[in-house]
Amino acid sequence: MIPIIVVFALMVAIILNQKFAGRTFFRAIFFLPVILSTGEVVKEFLTEGEGDLGFMSKYNVSGLIKANLSATWSGPLIGILDSFVLILWYSGVQILIFLGGRQTISNSAYEAARIDGAGPWETFWKITLPAMTPFIFLNMIYTVVDLFTFPTNPILQRVRESEYGQYSALIWIYFLIISFFLAIIFYIFSRATKSQRESA
């Protein structure tokens, strides 16, 4: 879910940065779940079975995916679709960070690109994405910590049910796992920034 949330938030932020009627309303809609997403609200939301997409069961999408893809691909894909509403729910802060990041890019850079004949696709890859790299890095860190510690995390629920000594040991192991994922993000970011400096 981590890369899905970050990519989704980036795309929505780029759309919400455009000028169109009702832009403020749609920004508020995407950020509203951040205000409401306390532990009990999310828990009740999942208990009522509201985390999945209705058409999944109506059109037997899960069966079609299992029939046409191997178990290696079908399992994660069905898991993502089953929790897609949660992806929407947990992307509000990331969208806000990306919106702020997008507004740091000067409009003159886009105007110069258009004068040089660059289309939207080239502009995204050559201007928007490189300028958004620090914000992608920040959102990756935030999303990793947020998802590893969100209230309905089944691993945390299992850890809380253990005895005190075992609980302490499991928490340290869990902390090391989170640190490992954060180290991977730091490594990818350092490689990406180094590549950008070399290309410049």
N, C-alpha and C. Protein backbone atom coordinates (compact mmCIF):
# COMPACT_ATOMS: atom_id res chain seq x y z
N MET A 1 0.81 -1.22 0.00
CA MET A 1 0.00 0.00 0.00
C MET A 1 0.85 1.27 0.00
N ILE A 2 2.09 1.19 0.49
CA ILE A 2 2.91 2.41 0.63
C ILE A 2 3.16 3.08 -0.71
N PRO A 3 3.70 2.38 -1.71
CA PRO A 3 3.91 3.06 -3.00
C PRO A 3 2.61 3.48 -3.67
N ILE A 4 1.53 2.69 -3.47
CA ILE A 4 0.24 3.04 -4.07
C ILE A 4 -0.26 4.37 -3.49
N ILE A 5 -0.15 4.53 -2.17
CA ILE A 5 -0.61 5.76 -1.52
C ILE A 5 0.19 6.95 -2.00
N VAL A 6 1.52 6.80 -2.09
CA VAL A 6 2.38 7.92 -2.49
C VAL A 6 2.10 8.32 -3.94
N VAL A 7 2.00 7.35 -4.84
CA VAL A 7 1.73 7.65 -6.25
C VAL A 7 0.34 8.28 -6.41
N PHE A 8 -0.66 7.71 -5.72
CA PHE A 8 -2.02 8.25 -5.77
C PHE A 8 -2.04 9.69 -5.26
N ALA A 9 -1.36 9.95 -4.13
CA ALA A 9 -1.34 11.30 -3.57
C ALA A 9 -0.66 12.29 -4.51
N LEU A 10 0.41 11.86 -5.18
CA LEU A 10 1.09 12.74 -6.13
C LEU A 10 0.19 13.09 -7.29
N MET A 11 -0.51 12.10 -7.85
CA MET A 11 -1.40 12.37 -8.98
C MET A 11 -2.55 13.29 -8.58
N VAL A 12 -3.15 13.04 -7.42
CA VAL A 12 -4.27 13.88 -6.96
C VAL A 12 -3.79 15.30 -6.68
N ALA A 13 -2.59 15.44 -6.09
CA ALA A 13 -2.06 16.77 -5.80
C ALA A 13 -1.83 17.57 -7.09
N ILE A 14 -1.33 16.90 -8.12
CA ILE A 14 -1.12 17.59 -9.40
C ILE A 14 -2.46 18.04 -9.99
N ILE A 15 -3.48 17.19 -9.87
CA ILE A 15 -4.81 17.56 -10.37
C ILE A 15 -5.39 18.71 -9.55
N LEU A 16 -5.28 18.64 -8.22
CA LEU A 16 -5.86 19.66 -7.36
C LEU A 16 -5.10 20.98 -7.44
N ASN A 17 -3.91 20.98 -8.02
CA ASN A 17 -3.16 22.23 -8.19
C ASN A 17 -3.64 23.01 -9.41
N GLN A 18 -4.39 22.34 -10.30
CA GLN A 18 -4.91 23.02 -11.50
C GLN A 18 -6.04 23.98 -11.09
N LYS A 19 -6.30 24.93 -11.95
CA LYS A 19 -7.38 25.89 -11.69
C LYS A 19 -8.67 25.37 -12.29
N PHE A 20 -9.64 25.08 -11.44
CA PHE A 20 -10.96 24.65 -11.90
C PHE A 20 -11.99 25.02 -10.83
N ALA A 21 -13.25 25.03 -11.22
CA ALA A 21 -14.33 25.41 -10.30
C ALA A 21 -14.46 24.37 -9.19
N GLY A 22 -14.56 24.85 -7.95
CA GLY A 22 -14.73 23.94 -6.81
C GLY A 22 -13.44 23.32 -6.32
N ARG A 23 -12.29 23.90 -6.66
CA ARG A 23 -11.01 23.33 -6.26
C ARG A 23 -10.85 23.27 -4.74
N THR A 24 -11.25 24.32 -4.05
CA THR A 24 -11.14 24.34 -2.59
C THR A 24 -12.01 23.26 -1.96
N PHE A 25 -13.19 23.05 -2.51
CA PHE A 25 -14.09 22.02 -2.00
C PHE A 25 -13.45 20.63 -2.12
N PHE A 26 -12.87 20.34 -3.28
CA PHE A 26 -12.27 19.03 -3.48
C PHE A 26 -11.02 18.84 -2.62
N ARG A 27 -10.28 19.91 -2.39
CA ARG A 27 -9.14 19.82 -1.48
C ARG A 27 -9.59 19.47 -0.07
N ALA A 28 -10.69 20.10 0.35
CA ALA A 28 -11.23 19.80 1.68
C ALA A 28 -11.73 18.37 1.76
N ILE A 29 -12.34 17.86 0.70
CA ILE A 29 -12.85 16.48 0.68
C ILE A 29 -11.72 15.48 0.88
N PHE A 30 -10.61 15.70 0.19
CA PHE A 30 -9.49 14.76 0.31
C PHE A 30 -8.79 14.87 1.66
N PHE A 31 -8.83 16.05 2.29
CA PHE A 31 -8.15 16.21 3.57
C PHE A 31 -9.06 15.87 4.75
N LEU A 32 -10.37 15.84 4.55
CA LEU A 32 -11.32 15.58 5.64
C LEU A 32 -11.04 14.28 6.39
N PRO A 33 -10.70 13.16 5.72
CA PRO A 33 -10.42 11.93 6.47
C PRO A 33 -9.29 12.05 7.48
N VAL A 34 -8.33 12.96 7.25
CA VAL A 34 -7.24 13.15 8.21
C VAL A 34 -7.79 13.64 9.54
N ILE A 35 -8.79 14.50 9.48
CA ILE A 35 -9.39 15.03 10.71
C ILE A 35 -10.21 13.96 11.41
N LEU A 36 -10.87 13.10 10.63
CA LEU A 36 -11.77 12.10 11.20
C LEU A 36 -11.10 10.77 11.53
N SER A 37 -9.87 10.56 11.07
CA SER A 37 -9.28 9.21 11.15
C SER A 37 -8.64 8.93 12.50
N THR A 38 -9.41 9.02 13.57
CA THR A 38 -8.95 8.54 14.86
C THR A 38 -9.03 7.02 14.88
N GLY A 39 -8.39 6.42 15.86
CA GLY A 39 -8.36 4.97 15.94
C GLY A 39 -9.72 4.32 15.96
N GLU A 40 -10.63 4.85 16.75
CA GLU A 40 -11.95 4.24 16.89
C GLU A 40 -12.78 4.41 15.63
N VAL A 41 -12.62 5.55 14.95
CA VAL A 41 -13.39 5.78 13.72
C VAL A 41 -12.97 4.79 12.66
N VAL A 42 -11.65 4.61 12.48
CA VAL A 42 -11.15 3.67 11.48
C VAL A 42 -11.55 2.25 11.83
N LYS A 43 -11.48 1.90 13.12
CA LYS A 43 -11.84 0.56 13.56
C LYS A 43 -13.31 0.27 13.25
N GLU A 44 -14.19 1.22 13.55
CA GLU A 44 -15.61 1.04 13.27
C GLU A 44 -15.86 1.00 11.76
N PHE A 45 -15.12 1.79 11.03
CA PHE A 45 -15.22 1.83 9.57
C PHE A 45 -14.94 0.46 8.97
N LEU A 46 -13.89 -0.19 9.47
CA LEU A 46 -13.52 -1.52 8.97
C LEU A 46 -14.48 -2.60 9.47
N THR A 47 -14.96 -2.45 10.70
CA THR A 47 -15.89 -3.43 11.26
C THR A 47 -17.17 -3.49 10.45
N GLU A 48 -17.61 -2.34 9.95
CA GLU A 48 -18.83 -2.28 9.15
C GLU A 48 -18.60 -2.76 7.72
N GLY A 49 -17.34 -3.12 7.41
CA GLY A 49 -17.04 -3.63 6.07
C GLY A 49 -17.02 -2.56 5.00
N GLU A 50 -16.65 -1.34 5.40
CA GLU A 50 -16.67 -0.23 4.45
C GLU A 50 -15.31 0.02 3.80
N GLY A 51 -14.35 -0.87 3.99
CA GLY A 51 -13.02 -0.63 3.44
C GLY A 51 -12.84 -1.14 2.04
N ASP A 52 -13.82 -1.85 1.50
CA ASP A 52 -13.63 -2.43 0.17
C ASP A 52 -14.50 -1.69 -0.85
N LEU A 53 -14.31 -2.05 -2.11
CA LEU A 53 -15.07 -1.45 -3.20
C LEU A 53 -16.27 -2.34 -3.52
N GLY A 54 -17.46 -1.74 -3.64
CA GLY A 54 -18.68 -2.52 -3.84
C GLY A 54 -18.70 -3.34 -5.11
N PHE A 55 -18.10 -2.81 -6.18
CA PHE A 55 -18.17 -3.54 -7.44
C PHE A 55 -17.32 -4.80 -7.44
N MET A 56 -16.41 -4.94 -6.43
CA MET A 56 -15.55 -6.13 -6.37
C MET A 56 -16.39 -7.39 -6.24
N SER A 57 -17.36 -7.36 -5.33
CA SER A 57 -18.21 -8.53 -5.13
C SER A 57 -19.35 -8.58 -6.16
N LYS A 58 -19.83 -7.42 -6.58
CA LYS A 58 -20.95 -7.37 -7.52
C LYS A 58 -20.58 -7.99 -8.87
N TYR A 59 -19.38 -7.71 -9.35
CA TYR A 59 -18.95 -8.20 -10.66
C TYR A 59 -17.91 -9.31 -10.58
N ASN A 60 -17.72 -9.87 -9.38
CA ASN A 60 -16.78 -10.97 -9.17
C ASN A 60 -15.38 -10.64 -9.72
N VAL A 61 -14.91 -9.44 -9.40
CA VAL A 61 -13.60 -9.00 -9.89
C VAL A 61 -12.49 -9.87 -9.30
N SER A 62 -12.64 -10.26 -8.04
CA SER A 62 -11.62 -11.10 -7.41
C SER A 62 -11.47 -12.43 -8.14
N GLY A 63 -12.60 -13.03 -8.53
CA GLY A 63 -12.55 -14.30 -9.27
C GLY A 63 -11.88 -14.14 -10.62
N LEU A 64 -12.15 -13.04 -11.31
CA LEU A 64 -11.52 -12.79 -12.61
C LEU A 64 -10.01 -12.60 -12.47
N ILE A 65 -9.61 -11.90 -11.42
CA ILE A 65 -8.18 -11.68 -11.21
C ILE A 65 -7.48 -12.99 -10.91
N LYS A 66 -8.09 -13.82 -10.05
CA LYS A 66 -7.49 -15.11 -9.71
C LYS A 66 -7.42 -16.03 -10.93
N ALA A 67 -8.41 -15.93 -11.81
CA ALA A 67 -8.43 -16.80 -12.99
C ALA A 67 -7.40 -16.41 -14.03
N ASN A 68 -7.05 -15.13 -14.08
CA ASN A 68 -6.15 -14.64 -15.14
C ASN A 68 -4.73 -14.33 -14.67
N LEU A 69 -4.50 -14.29 -13.37
CA LEU A 69 -3.16 -14.00 -12.86
C LEU A 69 -2.71 -15.10 -11.93
N SER A 70 -1.41 -15.23 -11.77
CA SER A 70 -0.87 -16.21 -10.83
C SER A 70 -1.13 -15.76 -9.40
N ALA A 71 -0.98 -16.68 -8.46
CA ALA A 71 -1.22 -16.36 -7.05
C ALA A 71 -0.26 -15.29 -6.54
N THR A 72 0.95 -15.25 -7.12
CA THR A 72 1.94 -14.26 -6.70
C THR A 72 1.45 -12.84 -6.96
N TRP A 73 0.75 -12.63 -8.08
CA TRP A 73 0.26 -11.30 -8.44
C TRP A 73 -1.18 -11.07 -7.99
N SER A 74 -2.00 -12.11 -8.05
CA SER A 74 -3.42 -11.91 -7.74
C SER A 74 -3.66 -11.58 -6.27
N GLY A 75 -2.91 -12.22 -5.36
CA GLY A 75 -3.10 -11.97 -3.93
C GLY A 75 -2.88 -10.52 -3.55
N PRO A 76 -1.68 -9.94 -3.85
CA PRO A 76 -1.47 -8.52 -3.51
C PRO A 76 -2.43 -7.57 -4.21
N LEU A 77 -2.77 -7.87 -5.49
CA LEU A 77 -3.66 -6.98 -6.23
C LEU A 77 -5.06 -6.96 -5.61
N ILE A 78 -5.56 -8.13 -5.24
CA ILE A 78 -6.87 -8.20 -4.58
C ILE A 78 -6.82 -7.50 -3.23
N GLY A 79 -5.71 -7.67 -2.52
CA GLY A 79 -5.56 -7.00 -1.23
C GLY A 79 -5.61 -5.49 -1.36
N ILE A 80 -4.96 -4.95 -2.41
CA ILE A 80 -4.97 -3.51 -2.64
C ILE A 80 -6.37 -3.02 -2.99
N LEU A 81 -7.05 -3.75 -3.87
CA LEU A 81 -8.41 -3.36 -4.25
C LEU A 81 -9.38 -3.46 -3.08
N ASP A 82 -9.20 -4.48 -2.23
CA ASP A 82 -10.07 -4.64 -1.06
C ASP A 82 -9.90 -3.51 -0.06
N SER A 83 -8.72 -2.90 -0.05
CA SER A 83 -8.46 -1.82 0.92
C SER A 83 -8.29 -0.48 0.22
N PHE A 84 -8.86 -0.33 -0.98
CA PHE A 84 -8.65 0.90 -1.74
C PHE A 84 -9.26 2.11 -1.04
N VAL A 85 -10.36 1.92 -0.34
CA VAL A 85 -10.96 3.04 0.39
C VAL A 85 -10.01 3.52 1.49
N LEU A 86 -9.26 2.58 2.09
CA LEU A 86 -8.27 2.97 3.09
C LEU A 86 -7.12 3.74 2.45
N ILE A 87 -6.79 3.40 1.20
CA ILE A 87 -5.76 4.16 0.49
C ILE A 87 -6.22 5.61 0.34
N LEU A 88 -7.49 5.82 -0.02
CA LEU A 88 -8.04 7.16 -0.07
C LEU A 88 -8.02 7.82 1.30
N TRP A 89 -8.34 7.02 2.32
CA TRP A 89 -8.46 7.52 3.68
C TRP A 89 -7.13 8.00 4.23
N TYR A 90 -6.04 7.28 3.88
CA TYR A 90 -4.74 7.57 4.47
C TYR A 90 -3.85 8.44 3.59
N SER A 91 -4.37 9.06 2.55
CA SER A 91 -3.53 9.84 1.65
C SER A 91 -3.72 11.35 1.79
N GLY A 92 -4.49 11.80 2.76
CA GLY A 92 -4.78 13.23 2.90
C GLY A 92 -3.56 14.08 3.21
N VAL A 93 -2.74 13.66 4.18
CA VAL A 93 -1.55 14.42 4.55
C VAL A 93 -0.56 14.43 3.39
N GLN A 94 -0.41 13.28 2.73
CA GLN A 94 0.52 13.20 1.60
C GLN A 94 0.09 14.14 0.47
N ILE A 95 -1.21 14.22 0.21
CA ILE A 95 -1.70 15.13 -0.83
C ILE A 95 -1.37 16.57 -0.46
N LEU A 96 -1.55 16.93 0.81
CA LEU A 96 -1.27 18.29 1.27
C LEU A 96 0.22 18.62 1.12
N ILE A 97 1.10 17.66 1.46
CA ILE A 97 2.55 17.88 1.31
C ILE A 97 2.91 18.04 -0.17
N PHE A 98 2.34 17.19 -1.01
CA PHE A 98 2.63 17.30 -2.44
C PHE A 98 2.09 18.61 -3.03
N LEU A 99 0.94 19.07 -2.54
CA LEU A 99 0.41 20.35 -3.01
C LEU A 99 1.37 21.48 -2.67
N GLY A 100 1.88 21.47 -1.44
CA GLY A 100 2.85 22.48 -1.05
C GLY A 100 4.11 22.40 -1.89
N GLY A 101 4.56 21.16 -2.16
CA GLY A 101 5.75 20.98 -2.97
C GLY A 101 5.55 21.45 -4.40
N ARG A 102 4.40 21.15 -4.95
CA ARG A 102 4.11 21.56 -6.34
C ARG A 102 4.10 23.07 -6.47
N GLN A 103 3.65 23.76 -5.44
CA GLN A 103 3.57 25.22 -5.52
C GLN A 103 4.92 25.90 -5.33
N THR A 104 5.96 25.12 -4.96
CA THR A 104 7.31 25.69 -4.89
C THR A 104 7.97 25.75 -6.26
N ILE A 105 7.40 25.07 -7.26
CA ILE A 105 7.97 25.07 -8.61
C ILE A 105 7.50 26.33 -9.33
N SER A 106 8.45 27.08 -9.86
CA SER A 106 8.12 28.34 -10.53
C SER A 106 7.34 28.10 -11.82
N ASN A 107 6.34 28.91 -12.04
CA ASN A 107 5.56 28.81 -13.28
C ASN A 107 6.40 29.16 -14.51
N SER A 108 7.46 29.96 -14.29
CA SER A 108 8.31 30.34 -15.42
C SER A 108 9.01 29.13 -16.01
N ALA A 109 9.29 28.10 -15.17
CA ALA A 109 9.93 26.88 -15.69
C ALA A 109 8.99 26.16 -16.66
N TYR A 110 7.70 26.14 -16.32
CA TYR A 110 6.71 25.50 -17.21
C TYR A 110 6.50 26.33 -18.48
N GLU A 111 6.51 27.65 -18.32
CA GLU A 111 6.35 28.51 -19.50
C GLU A 111 7.52 28.34 -20.47
N ALA A 112 8.74 28.24 -19.92
CA ALA A 112 9.92 28.03 -20.76
C ALA A 112 9.85 26.68 -21.47
N ALA A 113 9.36 25.67 -20.76
CA ALA A 113 9.23 24.34 -21.36
C ALA A 113 8.21 24.35 -22.49
N ARG A 114 7.10 25.05 -22.29
CA ARG A 114 6.09 25.12 -23.34
C ARG A 114 6.62 25.87 -24.58
N ILE A 115 7.41 26.92 -24.33
CA ILE A 115 7.99 27.67 -25.45
C ILE A 115 8.94 26.78 -26.25
N ASP A 116 9.67 25.91 -25.54
CA ASP A 116 10.61 25.00 -26.19
C ASP A 116 9.91 23.82 -26.87
N GLY A 117 8.58 23.75 -26.73
CA GLY A 117 7.82 22.71 -27.41
C GLY A 117 7.60 21.45 -26.60
N ALA A 118 7.88 21.49 -25.29
CA ALA A 118 7.68 20.31 -24.44
C ALA A 118 6.19 20.12 -24.15
N GLY A 119 5.74 18.88 -24.23
CA GLY A 119 4.35 18.55 -23.92
C GLY A 119 4.18 18.26 -22.44
N PRO A 120 2.95 17.98 -22.02
CA PRO A 120 2.69 17.69 -20.60
C PRO A 120 3.51 16.51 -20.07
N TRP A 121 3.66 15.47 -20.89
CA TRP A 121 4.38 14.28 -20.45
C TRP A 121 5.86 14.58 -20.20
N GLU A 122 6.52 15.28 -21.13
CA GLU A 122 7.92 15.65 -20.96
C GLU A 122 8.09 16.63 -19.80
N THR A 123 7.13 17.55 -19.65
CA THR A 123 7.19 18.51 -18.55
C THR A 123 7.12 17.82 -17.20
N PHE A 124 6.27 16.79 -17.11
CA PHE A 124 6.16 16.06 -15.84
C PHE A 124 7.48 15.38 -15.49
N TRP A 125 8.09 14.68 -16.46
CA TRP A 125 9.30 13.91 -16.18
C TRP A 125 10.54 14.78 -16.01
N LYS A 126 10.57 15.93 -16.70
CA LYS A 126 11.77 16.76 -16.68
C LYS A 126 11.73 17.87 -15.63
N ILE A 127 10.52 18.31 -15.25
CA ILE A 127 10.42 19.44 -14.31
C ILE A 127 9.73 19.01 -13.01
N THR A 128 8.49 18.51 -13.13
CA THR A 128 7.69 18.24 -11.93
C THR A 128 8.31 17.16 -11.06
N LEU A 129 8.59 16.00 -11.64
CA LEU A 129 9.08 14.88 -10.85
C LEU A 129 10.42 15.16 -10.18
N PRO A 130 11.44 15.70 -10.89
CA PRO A 130 12.70 16.01 -10.20
C PRO A 130 12.53 17.02 -9.06
N ALA A 131 11.67 18.03 -9.27
CA ALA A 131 11.46 19.03 -8.23
C ALA A 131 10.70 18.47 -7.04
N MET A 132 9.90 17.41 -7.27
CA MET A 132 9.10 16.82 -6.20
C MET A 132 9.85 15.72 -5.44
N THR A 133 11.08 15.40 -5.83
CA THR A 133 11.81 14.30 -5.20
C THR A 133 11.91 14.44 -3.68
N PRO A 134 12.28 15.61 -3.13
CA PRO A 134 12.33 15.72 -1.66
C PRO A 134 10.99 15.47 -0.99
N PHE A 135 9.91 15.87 -1.65
CA PHE A 135 8.57 15.70 -1.07
C PHE A 135 8.13 14.23 -1.18
N ILE A 136 8.55 13.55 -2.25
CA ILE A 136 8.29 12.11 -2.35
C ILE A 136 9.00 11.39 -1.22
N PHE A 137 10.25 11.78 -0.97
CA PHE A 137 11.03 11.19 0.13
C PHE A 137 10.35 11.42 1.47
N LEU A 138 9.91 12.65 1.72
CA LEU A 138 9.22 12.97 2.97
C LEU A 138 7.94 12.15 3.12
N ASN A 139 7.18 12.04 2.04
CA ASN A 139 5.92 11.29 2.10
C ASN A 139 6.15 9.80 2.27
N MET A 140 7.22 9.27 1.69
CA MET A 140 7.53 7.86 1.89
C MET A 140 7.81 7.58 3.37
N ILE A 141 8.60 8.44 4.00
CA ILE A 141 8.90 8.28 5.43
C ILE A 141 7.62 8.36 6.25
N TYR A 142 6.82 9.39 5.98
CA TYR A 142 5.57 9.57 6.74
C TYR A 142 4.65 8.37 6.57
N THR A 143 4.52 7.88 5.34
CA THR A 143 3.59 6.78 5.06
C THR A 143 4.06 5.49 5.71
N VAL A 144 5.36 5.22 5.67
CA VAL A 144 5.89 4.02 6.33
C VAL A 144 5.57 4.04 7.82
N VAL A 145 5.88 5.15 8.48
CA VAL A 145 5.64 5.25 9.93
C VAL A 145 4.14 5.19 10.21
N ASP A 146 3.34 5.86 9.39
CA ASP A 146 1.90 5.91 9.62
C ASP A 146 1.26 4.52 9.48
N LEU A 147 1.61 3.79 8.42
CA LEU A 147 0.99 2.48 8.20
C LEU A 147 1.52 1.42 9.16
N PHE A 148 2.77 1.54 9.58
CA PHE A 148 3.31 0.58 10.53
C PHE A 148 2.76 0.79 11.93
N THR A 149 2.18 1.94 12.19
CA THR A 149 1.68 2.23 13.54
C THR A 149 0.19 2.53 13.58
N PHE A 150 -0.55 2.32 12.46
CA PHE A 150 -1.97 2.67 12.49
C PHE A 150 -2.73 1.69 13.39
N PRO A 151 -3.83 2.15 14.01
CA PRO A 151 -4.47 1.40 15.11
C PRO A 151 -4.91 -0.01 14.76
N THR A 152 -5.33 -0.26 13.54
CA THR A 152 -5.85 -1.58 13.19
C THR A 152 -4.78 -2.51 12.61
N ASN A 153 -3.52 -2.13 12.74
CA ASN A 153 -2.43 -2.98 12.24
C ASN A 153 -2.48 -4.34 12.96
N PRO A 154 -2.67 -5.45 12.23
CA PRO A 154 -2.81 -6.76 12.88
C PRO A 154 -1.56 -7.19 13.64
N ILE A 155 -0.38 -6.76 13.20
CA ILE A 155 0.85 -7.11 13.90
C ILE A 155 0.89 -6.45 15.26
N LEU A 156 0.52 -5.17 15.33
CA LEU A 156 0.49 -4.48 16.62
C LEU A 156 -0.54 -5.09 17.55
N GLN A 157 -1.68 -5.51 17.01
CA GLN A 157 -2.69 -6.16 17.83
C GLN A 157 -2.16 -7.46 18.41
N ARG A 158 -1.41 -8.22 17.60
CA ARG A 158 -0.82 -9.47 18.09
C ARG A 158 0.23 -9.20 19.17
N VAL A 159 1.01 -8.14 19.00
CA VAL A 159 2.05 -7.81 19.97
C VAL A 159 1.42 -7.41 21.31
N ARG A 160 0.32 -6.65 21.26
CA ARG A 160 -0.32 -6.20 22.50
C ARG A 160 -0.88 -7.36 23.31
N GLU A 161 -1.21 -8.47 22.65
CA GLU A 161 -1.79 -9.61 23.34
C GLU A 161 -0.74 -10.48 24.05
N SER A 162 0.55 -10.23 23.81
CA SER A 162 1.60 -11.05 24.40
C SER A 162 1.94 -10.59 25.82
N GLU A 163 2.73 -11.39 26.53
CA GLU A 163 3.14 -11.05 27.88
C GLU A 163 4.16 -9.91 27.85
N TYR A 164 4.42 -9.33 29.05
CA TYR A 164 5.22 -8.11 29.11
C TYR A 164 6.63 -8.30 28.54
N GLY A 165 7.33 -9.36 28.94
CA GLY A 165 8.68 -9.60 28.45
C GLY A 165 8.71 -9.85 26.96
N GLN A 166 7.80 -10.67 26.50
CA GLN A 166 7.71 -10.96 25.07
C GLN A 166 7.27 -9.70 24.32
N TYR A 167 6.40 -8.92 24.92
CA TYR A 167 5.94 -7.67 24.31
C TYR A 167 7.12 -6.73 24.04
N SER A 168 8.01 -6.59 25.05
CA SER A 168 9.17 -5.71 24.91
C SER A 168 10.08 -6.18 23.78
N ALA A 169 10.32 -7.48 23.73
CA ALA A 169 11.20 -8.04 22.69
C ALA A 169 10.58 -7.84 21.30
N LEU A 170 9.28 -8.10 21.18
CA LEU A 170 8.61 -7.97 19.88
C LEU A 170 8.58 -6.51 19.40
N ILE A 171 8.42 -5.57 20.34
CA ILE A 171 8.42 -4.16 19.97
C ILE A 171 9.78 -3.75 19.40
N TRP A 172 10.87 -4.25 20.03
CA TRP A 172 12.20 -3.93 19.51
C TRP A 172 12.41 -4.53 18.12
N ILE A 173 11.94 -5.74 17.91
CA ILE A 173 12.04 -6.37 16.59
C ILE A 173 11.24 -5.56 15.57
N TYR A 174 10.05 -5.15 15.97
CA TYR A 174 9.20 -4.36 15.08
C TYR A 174 9.86 -3.02 14.75
N PHE A 175 10.50 -2.42 15.75
CA PHE A 175 11.24 -1.16 15.53
C PHE A 175 12.36 -1.35 14.51
N LEU A 176 13.08 -2.47 14.60
CA LEU A 176 14.15 -2.75 13.65
C LEU A 176 13.61 -2.96 12.24
N ILE A 177 12.44 -3.59 12.13
CA ILE A 177 11.82 -3.79 10.81
C ILE A 177 11.46 -2.44 10.19
N ILE A 178 10.86 -1.56 10.99
CA ILE A 178 10.53 -0.21 10.49
C ILE A 178 11.80 0.53 10.08
N SER A 179 12.86 0.41 10.90
CA SER A 179 14.13 1.07 10.59
C SER A 179 14.71 0.54 9.29
N PHE A 180 14.54 -0.75 9.03
CA PHE A 180 15.04 -1.34 7.79
C PHE A 180 14.33 -0.73 6.58
N PHE A 181 13.01 -0.58 6.66
CA PHE A 181 12.26 0.03 5.56
C PHE A 181 12.67 1.49 5.37
N LEU A 182 12.88 2.21 6.48
CA LEU A 182 13.30 3.60 6.38
C LEU A 182 14.70 3.71 5.77
N ALA A 183 15.58 2.76 6.09
CA ALA A 183 16.93 2.75 5.52
C ALA A 183 16.87 2.56 4.01
N ILE A 184 15.96 1.69 3.56
CA ILE A 184 15.79 1.48 2.11
C ILE A 184 15.36 2.79 1.44
N ILE A 185 14.43 3.51 2.07
CA ILE A 185 13.96 4.78 1.51
C ILE A 185 15.10 5.79 1.44
N PHE A 186 15.90 5.88 2.53
CA PHE A 186 17.05 6.80 2.53
C PHE A 186 18.03 6.45 1.42
N TYR A 187 18.25 5.16 1.20
CA TYR A 187 19.18 4.72 0.16
C TYR A 187 18.65 5.09 -1.23
N ILE A 188 17.37 4.83 -1.47
CA ILE A 188 16.79 5.17 -2.77
C ILE A 188 16.84 6.68 -3.01
N PHE A 189 16.55 7.46 -1.96
CA PHE A 189 16.58 8.91 -2.10
C PHE A 189 17.99 9.42 -2.40
N SER A 190 19.00 8.85 -1.72
CA SER A 190 20.38 9.28 -1.96
C SER A 190 20.81 8.95 -3.38
N ARG A 191 20.38 7.78 -3.88
CA ARG A 191 20.70 7.41 -5.26
C ARG A 191 20.01 8.34 -6.26
N ALA A 192 18.73 8.68 -5.96
CA ALA A 192 17.98 9.54 -6.87
C ALA A 192 18.58 10.95 -6.92
N THR A 193 18.95 11.50 -5.77
CA THR A 193 19.53 12.84 -5.75
C THR A 193 20.91 12.85 -6.41
N LYS A 194 21.67 11.78 -6.21
CA LYS A 194 22.99 11.69 -6.86
C LYS A 194 22.84 11.62 -8.38
N SER A 195 21.86 10.86 -8.85
CA SER A 195 21.60 10.76 -10.29
C SER A 195 21.17 12.11 -10.86
N GLN A 196 20.36 12.86 -10.11
CA GLN A 196 19.93 14.17 -10.57
C GLN A 196 21.09 15.14 -10.66
N ARG A 197 22.01 15.09 -9.68
CA ARG A 197 23.18 15.97 -9.71
C ARG A 197 24.09 15.65 -10.90
N GLU A 198 24.25 14.36 -11.17
CA GLU A 198 25.11 13.96 -12.29
C GLU A 198 24.52 14.36 -13.63
N SER A 199 23.19 14.24 -13.76
CA SER A 199 22.54 14.61 -15.02
C SER A 199 22.52 16.11 -15.23
N ALA A 200 22.53 16.87 -14.11
CA ALA A 200 22.55 18.33 -14.22
C ALA A 200 23.94 18.80 -14.62
